[in-house]
Amino acid sequence: MPNISASPSATDFTADELETGRRLFAGNAQFVHAAASEASLPALKGLEIAFAGRSNVGKSSLINALTGRKALARTSHTPGRTQELIFFALAANLTLVDMPGYGYAAAPRAKVKAWTGLIHAYLRARPNLARVYVLIDARHGLKAADAPVLGELDRAAVSYQLVLTKADQVTAAALPARIAATEAEIVRRPAAFPNVIATSARTGAGIPQLRAAIARVLAERG
C-alpha cells in the first residue's frame, strides 16, 4: 500500500488539527435533503462542504469513510447513480453535499445535461459553500472532463481543493509523481488550493488529513 500519510500534501497538519478533524466527524451524521433542481435546494444554513468529481470517482465512498458510516451515502459501481444533490447534516452546523458525477454516466443524455446544469447552478447560488473538494481518480489524474467544473469554480470564486481517490491502487513509487503532476496542473487556477490530498476510502489512508483540512476551513470561516 502506498505510504500516503508521508506525502508532502498530507503532512501539513498538527496533532491538534488531526484531533479536531476526528472530533468533527465523530458525531452523528444523517441524510437531510435531496435536490433535483435549483428550485428544490434547501434553505441556507450553516456552512456547506461539497464533493464533486467524475462519475464513479468515489464520492459516496469517501463521504462514508469520512463519517465512519458504511451506508450513509449510497455507493454504486454504475456511473451516474447519484442524480441529485444529496445533503448530509453533521454536528457543528456543517452540511456535506454529495454532488452528481459529471462526465460519462449510464443515464439518458437529457438527464445528464439536467444534473450537470444543477451542479453549475448550485455552485453559483450558495454563499455558505465554504469549499468544494474535487475528487480525481489517482490512477488516471486530471482529465478533460474535469476542466469545465474547475473553470466554473474559478469563475464563481468558489474555493476548491483536489483530492486523489483510490490511491491504494497506485504504487508507492508512482503516487508522489501523480500528486506533483496534479498540483502542477492547477498552479495557475485562481480558486484552487495549491496542495492535493491523496486518500483511500478502502484503507482509510489520507482520511484523517482530509478531516483536518475540512476542520481548518471551518475554523477559517468562523
C-alpha atoms as a PDB file:
ATOM      1  CA  MET A   1       0.000   0.000   0.000  1.00  0.00           C
ATOM      2  CA  PRO A   2       1.375   3.477  -0.825  1.00  0.00           C
ATOM      3  CA  ASN A   3       2.617   5.478   2.149  1.00  0.00           C
ATOM      4  CA  ILE A   4       0.026   8.200   1.642  1.00  0.00           C
ATOM      5  CA  SER A   5       0.479   9.719   5.099  1.00  0.00           C
ATOM      6  CA  ALA A   6       4.098  10.530   4.252  1.00  0.00           C
ATOM      7  CA  SER A   7       3.304  12.508   1.107  1.00  0.00           C
ATOM      8  CA  PRO A   8       4.092  16.256   1.240  1.00  0.00           C
ATOM      9  CA  SER A   9       0.457  17.194   0.603  1.00  0.00           C
ATOM     10  CA  ALA A  10      -0.815  15.316   3.639  1.00  0.00           C
ATOM     11  CA  THR A  11       1.571  16.329   6.435  1.00  0.00           C
ATOM     12  CA  ASP A  12       0.755  19.998   6.926  1.00  0.00           C
ATOM     13  CA  PHE A  13      -1.404  19.293   9.967  1.00  0.00           C
ATOM     14  CA  THR A  14      -0.535  19.324  13.644  1.00  0.00           C
ATOM     15  CA  ALA A  15      -1.628  16.604  16.050  1.00  0.00           C
ATOM     16  CA  ASP A  16      -4.196  19.045  17.444  1.00  0.00           C
ATOM     17  CA  GLU A  17      -5.631  19.684  13.969  1.00  0.00           C
ATOM     18  CA  LEU A  18      -5.887  15.968  13.265  1.00  0.00           C
ATOM     19  CA  GLU A  19      -7.732  15.510  16.563  1.00  0.00           C
ATOM     20  CA  THR A  20     -10.050  18.420  15.763  1.00  0.00           C
ATOM     21  CA  GLY A  21     -10.841  16.780  12.447  1.00  0.00           C
ATOM     22  CA  ARG A  22     -11.515  13.448  14.114  1.00  0.00           C
ATOM     23  CA  ARG A  23     -13.917  15.052  16.598  1.00  0.00           C
ATOM     24  CA  LEU A  24     -15.710  16.953  13.842  1.00  0.00           C
ATOM     25  CA  PHE A  25     -16.687  13.697  12.151  1.00  0.00           C
ATOM     26  CA  ALA A  26     -17.147  11.618  15.305  1.00  0.00           C
ATOM     27  CA  GLY A  27     -20.704  12.818  15.944  1.00  0.00           C
ATOM     28  CA  ASN A  28     -23.966  11.956  14.294  1.00  0.00           C
ATOM     29  CA  ALA A  29     -24.346  12.295  10.522  1.00  0.00           C
ATOM     30  CA  GLN A  30     -27.646  11.911   8.745  1.00  0.00           C
ATOM     31  CA  PHE A  31     -29.356  12.428   5.421  1.00  0.00           C
ATOM     32  CA  VAL A  32     -31.464  15.601   5.437  1.00  0.00           C
ATOM     33  CA  HIS A  33     -32.349  16.565   1.866  1.00  0.00           C
ATOM     34  CA  ALA A  34     -32.114  15.687  -1.825  1.00  0.00           C
ATOM     35  CA  ALA A  35     -32.375  18.376  -4.507  1.00  0.00           C
ATOM     36  CA  ALA A  36     -33.074  17.524  -8.144  1.00  0.00           C
ATOM     37  CA  SER A  37     -33.374  21.144  -9.289  1.00  0.00           C
ATOM     38  CA  GLU A  38     -32.238  24.614  -8.306  1.00  0.00           C
ATOM     39  CA  ALA A  39     -35.753  25.371  -7.035  1.00  0.00           C
ATOM     40  CA  SER A  40     -35.581  22.451  -4.607  1.00  0.00           C
ATOM     41  CA  LEU A  41     -32.313  23.473  -2.945  1.00  0.00           C
ATOM     42  CA  PRO A  42     -32.698  23.697   0.849  1.00  0.00           C
ATOM     43  CA  ALA A  43     -32.594  26.974   2.745  1.00  0.00           C
ATOM     44  CA  LEU A  44     -29.127  28.258   3.596  1.00  0.00           C
ATOM     45  CA  LYS A  45     -27.984  27.009   6.987  1.00  0.00           C
ATOM     46  CA  GLY A  46     -24.524  26.939   8.494  1.00  0.00           C
ATOM     47  CA  LEU A  47     -21.637  26.024   6.203  1.00  0.00           C
ATOM     48  CA  GLU A  48     -21.552  23.503   3.388  1.00  0.00           C
ATOM     49  CA  ILE A  49     -18.687  21.379   2.110  1.00  0.00           C
ATOM     50  CA  ALA A  50     -19.352  19.799  -1.290  1.00  0.00           C
ATOM     51  CA  PHE A  51     -17.763  16.857  -3.073  1.00  0.00           C
ATOM     52  CA  ALA A  52     -17.565  16.896  -6.869  1.00  0.00           C
ATOM     53  CA  GLY A  53     -15.931  14.580  -9.374  1.00  0.00           C
ATOM     54  CA  ARG A  54     -16.330  12.445 -12.447  1.00  0.00           C
ATOM     55  CA  SER A  55     -18.902   9.686 -12.373  1.00  0.00           C
ATOM     56  CA  ASN A  56     -17.756   6.710 -10.323  1.00  0.00           C
ATOM     57  CA  VAL A  57     -14.725   8.519  -8.874  1.00  0.00           C
ATOM     58  CA  GLY A  58     -15.742   7.501  -5.360  1.00  0.00           C
ATOM     59  CA  LYS A  59     -17.552  10.491  -3.828  1.00  0.00           C
ATOM     60  CA  SER A  60     -20.063   8.442  -1.856  1.00  0.00           C
ATOM     61  CA  SER A  61     -17.377   6.038  -0.636  1.00  0.00           C
ATOM     62  CA  LEU A  62     -15.250   8.963   0.543  1.00  0.00           C
ATOM     63  CA  ILE A  63     -18.163  10.535   2.437  1.00  0.00           C
ATOM     64  CA  ASN A  64     -18.818   7.194   4.130  1.00  0.00           C
ATOM     65  CA  ALA A  65     -15.143   6.927   5.084  1.00  0.00           C
ATOM     66  CA  LEU A  66     -15.044  10.487   6.455  1.00  0.00           C
ATOM     67  CA  THR A  67     -18.104   9.926   8.638  1.00  0.00           C
ATOM     68  CA  GLY A  68     -17.194   6.374   9.619  1.00  0.00           C
ATOM     69  CA  ARG A  69     -20.519   5.072   8.307  1.00  0.00           C
ATOM     70  CA  LYS A  70     -20.646   2.331   5.716  1.00  0.00           C
ATOM     71  CA  ALA A  71     -24.006   3.237   4.188  1.00  0.00           C
ATOM     72  CA  LEU A  72     -24.615   6.945   4.839  1.00  0.00           C
ATOM     73  CA  ALA A  73     -24.107   7.752   1.165  1.00  0.00           C
ATOM     74  CA  ARG A  74     -25.207   5.229  -1.458  1.00  0.00           C
ATOM     75  CA  THR A  75     -22.375   3.709  -3.444  1.00  0.00           C
ATOM     76  CA  SER A  76     -22.588   2.001  -6.794  1.00  0.00           C
ATOM     77  CA  HIS A  77     -20.303   0.610  -9.481  1.00  0.00           C
ATOM     78  CA  THR A  78     -22.661   2.148 -12.072  1.00  0.00           C
ATOM     79  CA  PRO A  79     -21.541   5.640 -13.161  1.00  0.00           C
ATOM     80  CA  GLY A  80     -24.246   8.252 -12.703  1.00  0.00           C
ATOM     81  CA  ARG A  81     -26.052   6.573  -9.799  1.00  0.00           C
ATOM     82  CA  THR A  82     -26.156   9.832  -7.804  1.00  0.00           C
ATOM     83  CA  GLN A  83     -28.522  12.058  -9.817  1.00  0.00           C
ATOM     84  CA  GLU A  84     -29.355  14.686  -7.196  1.00  0.00           C
ATOM     85  CA  LEU A  85     -27.545  16.918  -4.745  1.00  0.00           C
ATOM     86  CA  ILE A  86     -27.595  14.889  -1.532  1.00  0.00           C
ATOM     87  CA  PHE A  87     -27.259  16.796   1.762  1.00  0.00           C
ATOM     88  CA  PHE A  88     -25.960  15.221   4.981  1.00  0.00           C
ATOM     89  CA  ALA A  89     -26.049  17.127   8.281  1.00  0.00           C
ATOM     90  CA  LEU A  90     -23.233  16.843  10.806  1.00  0.00           C
ATOM     91  CA  ALA A  91     -22.641  18.439  14.164  1.00  0.00           C
ATOM     92  CA  ALA A  92     -21.041  21.887  14.377  1.00  0.00           C
ATOM     93  CA  ASN A  93     -23.540  23.374  11.907  1.00  0.00           C
ATOM     94  CA  LEU A  94     -21.890  21.620   8.959  1.00  0.00           C
ATOM     95  CA  THR A  95     -23.544  20.015   5.921  1.00  0.00           C
ATOM     96  CA  LEU A  96     -21.806  17.688   3.469  1.00  0.00           C
ATOM     97  CA  VAL A  97     -23.089  17.713  -0.104  1.00  0.00           C
ATOM     98  CA  ASP A  98     -22.669  14.735  -2.440  1.00  0.00           C
ATOM     99  CA  MET A  99     -22.901  16.128  -5.976  1.00  0.00           C
ATOM    100  CA  PRO A 100     -23.899  14.215  -9.135  1.00  0.00           C
ATOM    101  CA  GLY A 101     -20.928  12.895 -11.034  1.00  0.00           C
ATOM    102  CA  TYR A 102     -20.025  14.626 -14.268  1.00  0.00           C
ATOM    103  CA  GLY A 103     -18.625  13.136 -17.454  1.00  0.00           C
ATOM    104  CA  TYR A 104     -19.744   9.647 -18.503  1.00  0.00           C
ATOM    105  CA  ALA A 105     -22.873   8.310 -16.819  1.00  0.00           C
ATOM    106  CA  ALA A 106     -25.182   5.370 -17.532  1.00  0.00           C
ATOM    107  CA  ALA A 107     -28.227   7.602 -17.964  1.00  0.00           C
ATOM    108  CA  PRO A 108     -30.054   9.358 -20.823  1.00  0.00           C
ATOM    109  CA  ARG A 109     -28.223  12.344 -22.257  1.00  0.00           C
ATOM    110  CA  ALA A 110     -31.023  14.739 -21.299  1.00  0.00           C
ATOM    111  CA  LYS A 111     -30.809  13.588 -17.680  1.00  0.00           C
ATOM    112  CA  VAL A 112     -27.040  14.027 -17.619  1.00  0.00           C
ATOM    113  CA  LYS A 113     -27.430  17.541 -19.059  1.00  0.00           C
ATOM    114  CA  ALA A 114     -30.034  18.394 -16.410  1.00  0.00           C
ATOM    115  CA  TRP A 115     -27.928  17.385 -13.439  1.00  0.00           C
ATOM    116  CA  THR A 116     -24.812  18.976 -14.947  1.00  0.00           C
ATOM    117  CA  GLY A 117     -26.822  22.203 -15.046  1.00  0.00           C
ATOM    118  CA  LEU A 118     -27.836  21.607 -11.438  1.00  0.00           C
ATOM    119  CA  ILE A 119     -24.173  21.350 -10.424  1.00  0.00           C
ATOM    120  CA  HIS A 120     -23.347  24.700 -12.012  1.00  0.00           C
ATOM    121  CA  ALA A 121     -26.459  26.358 -10.542  1.00  0.00           C
ATOM    122  CA  TYR A 122     -25.572  25.097  -7.077  1.00  0.00           C
ATOM    123  CA  LEU A 123     -22.010  26.411  -7.291  1.00  0.00           C
ATOM    124  CA  ARG A 124     -23.281  29.887  -8.199  1.00  0.00           C
ATOM    125  CA  ALA A 125     -26.063  30.093  -5.629  1.00  0.00           C
ATOM    126  CA  ARG A 126     -24.605  29.029  -2.249  1.00  0.00           C
ATOM    127  CA  PRO A 127     -22.796  31.824  -0.378  1.00  0.00           C
ATOM    128  CA  ASN A 128     -22.437  29.405   2.557  1.00  0.00           C
ATOM    129  CA  LEU A 129     -20.416  26.974   0.428  1.00  0.00           C
ATOM    130  CA  ALA A 130     -17.071  27.005   2.237  1.00  0.00           C
ATOM    131  CA  ARG A 131     -15.150  24.697  -0.086  1.00  0.00           C
ATOM    132  CA  VAL A 132     -15.591  22.158  -2.844  1.00  0.00           C
ATOM    133  CA  TYR A 133     -13.411  19.061  -2.823  1.00  0.00           C
ATOM    134  CA  VAL A 134     -12.954  17.901  -6.395  1.00  0.00           C
ATOM    135  CA  LEU A 135     -12.201  14.191  -6.447  1.00  0.00           C
ATOM    136  CA  ILE A 136      -9.768  12.816  -9.011  1.00  0.00           C
ATOM    137  CA  ASP A 137      -9.047   9.125  -9.582  1.00  0.00           C
ATOM    138  CA  ALA A 138      -5.391   8.710  -8.577  1.00  0.00           C
ATOM    139  CA  ARG A 139      -4.906   6.065 -11.258  1.00  0.00           C
ATOM    140  CA  HIS A 140      -5.706   8.483 -14.079  1.00  0.00           C
ATOM    141  CA  GLY A 141      -5.147  12.050 -12.858  1.00  0.00           C
ATOM    142  CA  LEU A 142      -6.952  15.077 -14.271  1.00  0.00           C
ATOM    143  CA  LYS A 143      -8.991  14.515 -17.430  1.00  0.00           C
ATOM    144  CA  ALA A 144     -10.609  16.806 -19.988  1.00  0.00           C
ATOM    145  CA  ALA A 145     -13.992  16.238 -18.304  1.00  0.00           C
ATOM    146  CA  ASP A 146     -12.670  17.949 -15.142  1.00  0.00           C
ATOM    147  CA  ALA A 147     -11.829  21.232 -16.872  1.00  0.00           C
ATOM    148  CA  PRO A 148     -15.390  22.671 -17.147  1.00  0.00           C
ATOM    149  CA  VAL A 149     -16.080  22.229 -13.429  1.00  0.00           C
ATOM    150  CA  LEU A 150     -12.707  23.665 -12.422  1.00  0.00           C
ATOM    151  CA  GLY A 151     -13.362  26.589 -14.743  1.00  0.00           C
ATOM    152  CA  GLU A 152     -16.794  27.152 -13.224  1.00  0.00           C
ATOM    153  CA  LEU A 153     -15.310  27.127  -9.722  1.00  0.00           C
ATOM    154  CA  ASP A 154     -12.654  29.637 -10.783  1.00  0.00           C
ATOM    155  CA  ARG A 155     -15.237  31.955 -12.376  1.00  0.00           C
ATOM    156  CA  ALA A 156     -17.520  31.722  -9.337  1.00  0.00           C
ATOM    157  CA  ALA A 157     -14.548  32.283  -6.996  1.00  0.00           C
ATOM    158  CA  VAL A 158     -15.510  29.184  -5.009  1.00  0.00           C
ATOM    159  CA  SER A 159     -12.541  27.804  -3.090  1.00  0.00           C
ATOM    160  CA  TYR A 160     -11.727  24.224  -4.032  1.00  0.00           C
ATOM    161  CA  GLN A 161      -9.119  21.572  -3.367  1.00  0.00           C
ATOM    162  CA  LEU A 162      -8.297  18.427  -5.332  1.00  0.00           C
ATOM    163  CA  VAL A 163      -8.439  15.064  -3.586  1.00  0.00           C
ATOM    164  CA  LEU A 164      -6.991  11.936  -5.160  1.00  0.00           C
ATOM    165  CA  THR A 165      -9.174   8.888  -4.540  1.00  0.00           C
ATOM    166  CA  LYS A 166      -8.342   5.179  -4.833  1.00  0.00           C
ATOM    167  CA  ALA A 167      -4.715   5.987  -4.020  1.00  0.00           C
ATOM    168  CA  ASP A 168      -4.214   2.467  -2.683  1.00  0.00           C
ATOM    169  CA  GLN A 169      -4.387   1.329  -6.310  1.00  0.00           C
ATOM    170  CA  VAL A 170      -1.304   3.363  -7.236  1.00  0.00           C
ATOM    171  CA  THR A 171       2.173   2.113  -6.359  1.00  0.00           C
ATOM    172  CA  ALA A 172       4.175   3.810  -3.631  1.00  0.00           C
ATOM    173  CA  ALA A 173       6.760   4.798  -6.226  1.00  0.00           C
ATOM    174  CA  ALA A 174       4.212   6.372  -8.598  1.00  0.00           C
ATOM    175  CA  LEU A 175       1.980   8.215  -6.125  1.00  0.00           C
ATOM    176  CA  PRO A 176       4.297  11.181  -5.299  1.00  0.00           C
ATOM    177  CA  ALA A 177       4.717  11.858  -9.014  1.00  0.00           C
ATOM    178  CA  ARG A 178       0.944  11.749  -9.521  1.00  0.00           C
ATOM    179  CA  ILE A 179       0.456  14.243  -6.670  1.00  0.00           C
ATOM    180  CA  ALA A 180       3.156  16.560  -8.038  1.00  0.00           C
ATOM    181  CA  ALA A 181       1.765  16.406 -11.577  1.00  0.00           C
ATOM    182  CA  THR A 182      -1.748  17.184 -10.354  1.00  0.00           C
ATOM    183  CA  GLU A 183      -0.545  20.140  -8.286  1.00  0.00           C
ATOM    184  CA  ALA A 184       1.405  21.458 -11.279  1.00  0.00           C
ATOM    185  CA  GLU A 185      -1.735  21.395 -13.442  1.00  0.00           C
ATOM    186  CA  ILE A 186      -3.715  23.623 -11.060  1.00  0.00           C
ATOM    187  CA  VAL A 187      -0.997  26.060 -10.025  1.00  0.00           C
ATOM    188  CA  ARG A 188      -2.420  28.859 -12.207  1.00  0.00           C
ATOM    189  CA  ARG A 189      -6.062  28.317 -11.289  1.00  0.00           C
ATOM    190  CA  PRO A 190      -7.162  31.259  -9.086  1.00  0.00           C
ATOM    191  CA  ALA A 191      -9.648  29.448  -6.818  1.00  0.00           C
ATOM    192  CA  ALA A 192      -7.669  26.221  -6.366  1.00  0.00           C
ATOM    193  CA  PHE A 193      -5.961  25.364  -3.082  1.00  0.00           C
ATOM    194  CA  PRO A 194      -2.383  24.516  -4.100  1.00  0.00           C
ATOM    195  CA  ASN A 195      -1.966  21.180  -2.285  1.00  0.00           C
ATOM    196  CA  VAL A 196      -3.507  17.834  -3.186  1.00  0.00           C
ATOM    197  CA  ILE A 197      -4.547  15.230  -0.599  1.00  0.00           C
ATOM    198  CA  ALA A 198      -4.296  11.557  -1.553  1.00  0.00           C
ATOM    199  CA  THR A 199      -6.870   9.247   0.018  1.00  0.00           C
ATOM    200  CA  SER A 200      -8.191   5.713   0.002  1.00  0.00           C
ATOM    201  CA  ALA A 201     -11.700   5.026   1.239  1.00  0.00           C
ATOM    202  CA  ARG A 202     -10.839   1.316   1.303  1.00  0.00           C
ATOM    203  CA  THR A 203      -7.780   1.532   3.567  1.00  0.00           C
ATOM    204  CA  GLY A 204      -8.537   4.816   5.348  1.00  0.00           C
ATOM    205  CA  ALA A 205      -5.258   6.365   4.231  1.00  0.00           C
ATOM    206  CA  GLY A 206      -5.430  10.147   3.959  1.00  0.00           C
ATOM    207  CA  ILE A 207      -8.844  10.304   5.648  1.00  0.00           C
ATOM    208  CA  PRO A 208      -7.534  11.903   8.897  1.00  0.00           C
ATOM    209  CA  GLN A 209      -5.766  14.573   6.829  1.00  0.00           C
ATOM    210  CA  LEU A 210      -8.899  15.344   4.825  1.00  0.00           C
ATOM    211  CA  ARG A 211     -10.943  15.622   8.023  1.00  0.00           C
ATOM    212  CA  ALA A 212      -8.327  18.033   9.405  1.00  0.00           C
ATOM    213  CA  ALA A 213      -8.402  20.059   6.175  1.00  0.00           C
ATOM    214  CA  ILE A 214     -12.179  20.428   6.428  1.00  0.00           C
ATOM    215  CA  ALA A 215     -11.934  21.407  10.107  1.00  0.00           C
ATOM    216  CA  ARG A 216      -9.347  24.034   9.174  1.00  0.00           C
ATOM    217  CA  VAL A 217     -11.671  25.503   6.534  1.00  0.00           C
ATOM    218  CA  LEU A 218     -14.495  25.741   9.082  1.00  0.00           C
ATOM    219  CA  ALA A 219     -12.202  27.474  11.564  1.00  0.00           C
ATOM    220  CA  GLU A 220     -11.117  29.971   8.908  1.00  0.00           C
ATOM    221  CA  ARG A 221     -14.752  30.710   8.085  1.00  0.00           C
ATOM    222  CA  GLY A 222     -15.532  31.215  11.762  1.00  0.00           C
END
